[in-house]
C-alpha atoms as a PDB file:
ATOM      1  CA  UNK A   1     -96.546-203.084  25.385  1.00  0.00           C
ATOM      2  CA  UNK A   2     -98.168-203.186  22.166  1.00  0.00           C
ATOM      3  CA  UNK A   3     -97.787-199.480  22.009  1.00  0.00           C
ATOM      4  CA  UNK A   4     -94.190-199.797  22.761  1.00  0.00           C
ATOM      5  CA  UNK A   5     -93.794-201.972  19.796  1.00  0.00           C
ATOM      6  CA  UNK A   6     -95.772-199.820  17.446  1.00  0.00           C
ATOM      7  CA  UNK A   7     -93.752-196.997  18.503  1.00  0.00           C
ATOM      8  CA  UNK A   8     -90.118-199.015  17.860  1.00  0.00           C
ATOM      9  CA  UNK A   9     -91.255-200.008  14.661  1.00  0.00           C
ATOM     10  CA  UNK A  10     -92.426-196.448  13.842  1.00  0.00           C
ATOM     11  CA  UNK A  11     -89.186-195.212  15.034  1.00  0.00           C
ATOM     12  CA  UNK A  12     -86.830-197.695  12.787  1.00  0.00           C
ATOM     13  CA  UNK A  13     -88.597-196.846  10.124  1.00  0.00           C
ATOM     14  CA  UNK A  14     -88.640-193.017  10.075  1.00  0.00           C
ATOM     15  CA  UNK A  15     -84.974-193.541  11.324  1.00  0.00           C
ATOM     16  CA  UNK A  16     -84.231-195.635   7.991  1.00  0.00           C
ATOM     17  CA  UNK A  17     -85.538-194.191   5.182  1.00  0.00           C
ATOM     18  CA  UNK A  18     -83.593-192.571   2.464  1.00  0.00           C
ATOM     19  CA  UNK A  19     -84.516-189.110   3.896  1.00  0.00           C
ATOM     20  CA  UNK A  20     -82.396-190.522   7.111  1.00  0.00           C
ATOM     21  CA  UNK A  21     -79.201-190.824   5.285  1.00  0.00           C
ATOM     22  CA  UNK A  22     -79.676-187.819   2.910  1.00  0.00           C
ATOM     23  CA  UNK A  23     -77.579-185.634   4.954  1.00  0.00           C
ATOM     24  CA  UNK A  24     -74.294-185.851   6.003  1.00  0.00           C
ATOM     25  CA  UNK A  25     -73.563-186.980   9.957  1.00  0.00           C
ATOM     26  CA  UNK A  26     -70.940-184.379  10.290  1.00  0.00           C
ATOM     27  CA  UNK A  27     -72.990-181.272   9.009  1.00  0.00           C
ATOM     28  CA  UNK A  28     -76.179-182.171  11.684  1.00  0.00           C
ATOM     29  CA  UNK A  29     -75.728-182.273  15.892  1.00  0.00           C
ATOM     30  CA  UNK A  30     -76.787-185.514  16.975  1.00  0.00           C
ATOM     31  CA  UNK A  31     -78.938-184.026  20.016  1.00  0.00           C
ATOM     32  CA  UNK A  32     -81.291-181.962  17.183  1.00  0.00           C
ATOM     33  CA  UNK A  33     -80.943-185.897  15.064  1.00  0.00           C
ATOM     34  CA  UNK A  34     -82.069-187.583  17.780  1.00  0.00           C
ATOM     35  CA  UNK A  35     -85.077-184.780  19.175  1.00  0.00           C
ATOM     36  CA  UNK A  36     -86.013-184.511  15.174  1.00  0.00           C
ATOM     37  CA  UNK A  37     -86.424-188.244  15.203  1.00  0.00           C
ATOM     38  CA  UNK A  38     -87.999-189.055  18.646  1.00  0.00           C
ATOM     39  CA  UNK A  39     -89.878-185.620  18.789  1.00  0.00           C
ATOM     40  CA  UNK A  40     -90.573-183.435  15.813  1.00  0.00           C
ATOM     41  CA  UNK A  41     -91.261-186.541  13.445  1.00  0.00           C
ATOM     42  CA  UNK A  42     -94.007-187.725  15.597  1.00  0.00           C
ATOM     43  CA  UNK A  43     -95.400-183.924  16.098  1.00  0.00           C
ATOM     44  CA  UNK A  44     -95.452-183.520  12.427  1.00  0.00           C
ATOM     45  CA  UNK A  45     -97.214-186.506  11.446  1.00  0.00           C
ATOM     46  CA  UNK A  46     -99.651-185.291  14.251  1.00  0.00           C
ATOM     47  CA  UNK A  47     -99.731-181.827  12.653  1.00  0.00           C
ATOM     48  CA  UNK A  48    -100.306-183.017   8.883  1.00  0.00           C
ATOM     49  CA  UNK A  49    -103.102-185.657   9.859  1.00  0.00           C
ATOM     50  CA  UNK A  50    -104.805-182.237  12.046  1.00  0.00           C
ATOM     51  CA  UNK A  51    -104.290-180.051   9.339  1.00  0.00           C
ATOM     52  CA  UNK A  52    -105.873-182.635   6.526  1.00  0.00           C
ATOM     53  CA  UNK A  53    -109.144-182.732   9.103  1.00  0.00           C
ATOM     54  CA  UNK A  54    -109.386-178.885   9.968  1.00  0.00           C
ATOM     55  CA  UNK A  55    -108.830-178.138   5.479  1.00  0.00           C
ATOM     56  CA  UNK A  56    -111.457-180.945   4.964  1.00  0.00           C
ATOM     57  CA  UNK A  57    -114.137-179.437   7.761  1.00  0.00           C
ATOM     58  CA  UNK A  58    -113.608-175.654   6.453  1.00  0.00           C
ATOM     59  CA  UNK A  59    -113.557-176.478   2.896  1.00  0.00           C
ATOM     60  CA  UNK A  60    -117.630-175.406   2.464  1.00  0.00           C
ATOM     61  CA  UNK A  61    -116.488-171.670   3.873  1.00  0.00           C
ATOM     62  CA  UNK A  62    -113.040-172.122   1.205  1.00  0.00           C
ATOM     63  CA  UNK A  63    -115.794-172.205  -1.267  1.00  0.00           C
ATOM     64  CA  UNK A  64    -117.489-168.938  -0.394  1.00  0.00           C
ATOM     65  CA  UNK A  65    -113.525-167.413   0.386  1.00  0.00           C
ATOM     66  CA  UNK A  66    -112.744-168.166  -3.056  1.00  0.00           C
ATOM     67  CA  UNK A  67    -115.633-166.143  -4.735  1.00  0.00           C
ATOM     68  CA  UNK A  68    -113.938-163.113  -4.705  1.00  0.00           C
ATOM     69  CA  UNK A  69    -110.705-162.400  -6.391  1.00  0.00           C
ATOM     70  CA  UNK A  70    -107.837-163.824  -6.442  1.00  0.00           C
ATOM     71  CA  UNK A  71    -109.406-166.833  -5.635  1.00  0.00           C
ATOM     72  CA  UNK A  72    -106.806-168.751  -4.136  1.00  0.00           C
ATOM     73  CA  UNK A  73    -108.327-169.539  -0.286  1.00  0.00           C
ATOM     74  CA  UNK A  74    -107.992-173.231  -1.180  1.00  0.00           C
ATOM     75  CA  UNK A  75    -104.309-173.002  -1.866  1.00  0.00           C
ATOM     76  CA  UNK A  76    -103.114-170.786   0.495  1.00  0.00           C
ATOM     77  CA  UNK A  77    -105.111-172.755   3.266  1.00  0.00           C
ATOM     78  CA  UNK A  78    -103.608-175.805   2.053  1.00  0.00           C
ATOM     79  CA  UNK A  79    -100.351-174.684   2.120  1.00  0.00           C
ATOM     80  CA  UNK A  80    -100.696-173.596   5.338  1.00  0.00           C
ATOM     81  CA  UNK A  81    -102.415-176.903   6.993  1.00  0.00           C
ATOM     82  CA  UNK A  82    -100.937-179.293   5.098  1.00  0.00           C
ATOM     83  CA  UNK A  83     -98.482-179.149   2.944  1.00  0.00           C
ATOM     84  CA  UNK A  84     -96.047-177.096   5.166  1.00  0.00           C
ATOM     85  CA  UNK A  85     -96.792-179.996   8.390  1.00  0.00           C
ATOM     86  CA  UNK A  86     -95.912-183.017   5.808  1.00  0.00           C
ATOM     87  CA  UNK A  87     -93.215-181.674   3.778  1.00  0.00           C
ATOM     88  CA  UNK A  88     -91.377-180.458   7.171  1.00  0.00           C
ATOM     89  CA  UNK A  89     -92.055-184.300   8.317  1.00  0.00           C
ATOM     90  CA  UNK A  90     -91.515-186.043   5.129  1.00  0.00           C
ATOM     91  CA  UNK A  91     -89.396-184.223   3.005  1.00  0.00           C
ATOM     92  CA  UNK A  92     -86.841-182.695   4.699  1.00  0.00           C
ATOM     93  CA  UNK A  93     -83.800-184.624   5.889  1.00  0.00           C
ATOM     94  CA  UNK A  94     -83.160-186.212   8.924  1.00  0.00           C
ATOM     95  CA  UNK A  95     -81.308-182.811  11.276  1.00  0.00           C
ATOM     96  CA  UNK A  96     -82.076-180.096   9.416  1.00  0.00           C
ATOM     97  CA  UNK A  97     -83.648-177.451  11.175  1.00  0.00           C
ATOM     98  CA  UNK A  98     -85.363-175.257   8.473  1.00  0.00           C
ATOM     99  CA  UNK A  99     -89.101-174.476   8.874  1.00  0.00           C
ATOM    100  CA  UNK A 100     -90.828-174.168   6.977  1.00  0.00           C
ATOM    101  CA  UNK A 101     -89.121-176.747   4.498  1.00  0.00           C
ATOM    102  CA  UNK A 102     -88.626-176.312   0.891  1.00  0.00           C
ATOM    103  CA  UNK A 103     -87.568-178.432  -1.663  1.00  0.00           C
ATOM    104  CA  UNK A 104     -84.939-177.698  -4.042  1.00  0.00           C
ATOM    105  CA  UNK A 105     -86.920-177.409  -7.169  1.00  0.00           C
ATOM    106  CA  UNK A 106     -84.381-179.237  -9.303  1.00  0.00           C
ATOM    107  CA  UNK A 107     -83.227-181.868  -6.668  1.00  0.00           C
ATOM    108  CA  UNK A 108     -84.860-184.542  -8.860  1.00  0.00           C
ATOM    109  CA  UNK A 109     -83.011-183.309 -12.195  1.00  0.00           C
ATOM    110  CA  UNK A 110     -79.378-183.678 -10.980  1.00  0.00           C
ATOM    111  CA  UNK A 111     -78.820-187.499 -12.568  1.00  0.00           C
ATOM    112  CA  UNK A 112     -79.834-186.495 -15.937  1.00  0.00           C
ATOM    113  CA  UNK A 113     -77.782-185.980 -18.485  1.00  0.00           C
ATOM    114  CA  UNK A 114     -78.118-182.416 -20.329  1.00  0.00           C
ATOM    115  CA  UNK A 115     -80.659-182.189 -22.457  1.00  0.00           C
ATOM    116  CA  UNK A 116     -77.933-180.161 -24.998  1.00  0.00           C
ATOM    117  CA  UNK A 117     -75.248-182.548 -25.115  1.00  0.00           C
ATOM    118  CA  UNK A 118     -77.176-185.538 -25.953  1.00  0.00           C
ATOM    119  CA  UNK A 119     -80.253-185.144 -27.863  1.00  0.00           C
ATOM    120  CA  UNK A 120     -79.181-184.561 -32.127  1.00  0.00           C
ATOM    121  CA  UNK A 121     -81.220-182.012 -33.899  1.00  0.00           C
ATOM    122  CA  UNK A 122     -83.138-184.124 -36.737  1.00  0.00           C
ATOM    123  CA  UNK A 123     -82.751-183.710 -40.282  1.00  0.00           C
ATOM    124  CA  UNK A 124     -86.278-182.228 -41.996  1.00  0.00           C
ATOM    125  CA  UNK A 125     -87.940-184.705 -43.577  1.00  0.00           C
ATOM    126  CA  UNK A 126     -88.330-184.304 -47.279  1.00  0.00           C
ATOM    127  CA  UNK A 127     -91.686-185.516 -48.999  1.00  0.00           C
ATOM    128  CA  UNK A 128     -90.277-186.915 -52.848  1.00  0.00           C
ATOM    129  CA  UNK A 129     -93.015-186.937 -55.343  1.00  0.00           C
ATOM    130  CA  UNK A 130     -95.516-189.703 -56.160  1.00  0.00           C
ATOM    131  CA  UNK A 131     -94.531-191.439 -59.160  1.00  0.00           C
ATOM    132  CA  UNK A 132     -97.074-190.347 -62.134  1.00  0.00           C
ATOM    133  CA  UNK A 133     -99.304-193.127 -63.273  1.00  0.00           C
ATOM    134  CA  UNK A 134    -101.353-193.370 -65.944  1.00  0.00           C
ATOM    135  CA  UNK A 135    -104.483-194.697 -66.028  1.00  0.00           C
ATOM    136  CA  UNK A 136    -104.637-198.200 -68.446  1.00  0.00           C
ATOM    137  CA  UNK A 137    -106.185-198.014 -71.945  1.00  0.00           C
ATOM    138  CA  UNK A 138    -109.524-199.549 -72.287  1.00  0.00           C
ATOM    139  CA  UNK A 139    -110.114-201.629 -75.095  1.00  0.00           C
ATOM    140  CA  UNK A 140    -113.037-201.988 -76.621  1.00  0.00           C
ATOM    141  CA  UNK A 141    -115.223-205.247 -75.385  1.00  0.00           C
ATOM    142  CA  UNK A 142    -115.882-207.606 -78.183  1.00  0.00           C
ATOM    143  CA  UNK A 143    -119.271-208.768 -78.188  1.00  0.00           C
ATOM    144  CA  UNK A 144    -121.161-211.761 -80.313  1.00  0.00           C
ATOM    145  CA  UNK A 145    -118.217-211.305 -82.625  1.00  0.00           C
ATOM    146  CA  UNK A 146    -118.700-208.254 -83.508  1.00  0.00           C
END
């Protein structure tokens, strides 16, 4: 019973996420959406966890493999074992069939205003010269009436 409740909660979290509503329902196949939520997303979570574990286990060997040029063994292996399954599971909109999922680079910039029209170039700052100050005149001190 506990497993059924846990699975139902997981399924409702995945189905109710903001990513679930990111794509219009007319653009995706309803059967694939169901298959995506019930099968592919949980398999993606498991693949991400297993890939992360394998990546941590082989990291000493990757350190040795990174010695010769181009020194990118960590990046390539992390992209294959961790980032690709994680992006497929957590970033890909529900019903999207693309693998590996590449998130658009400027997706988060769509809501920002255009920088060229909103920012004005500030006027250059011109320093004013300091006023000339004369030192005070020194008067001789009167000592004992002299």
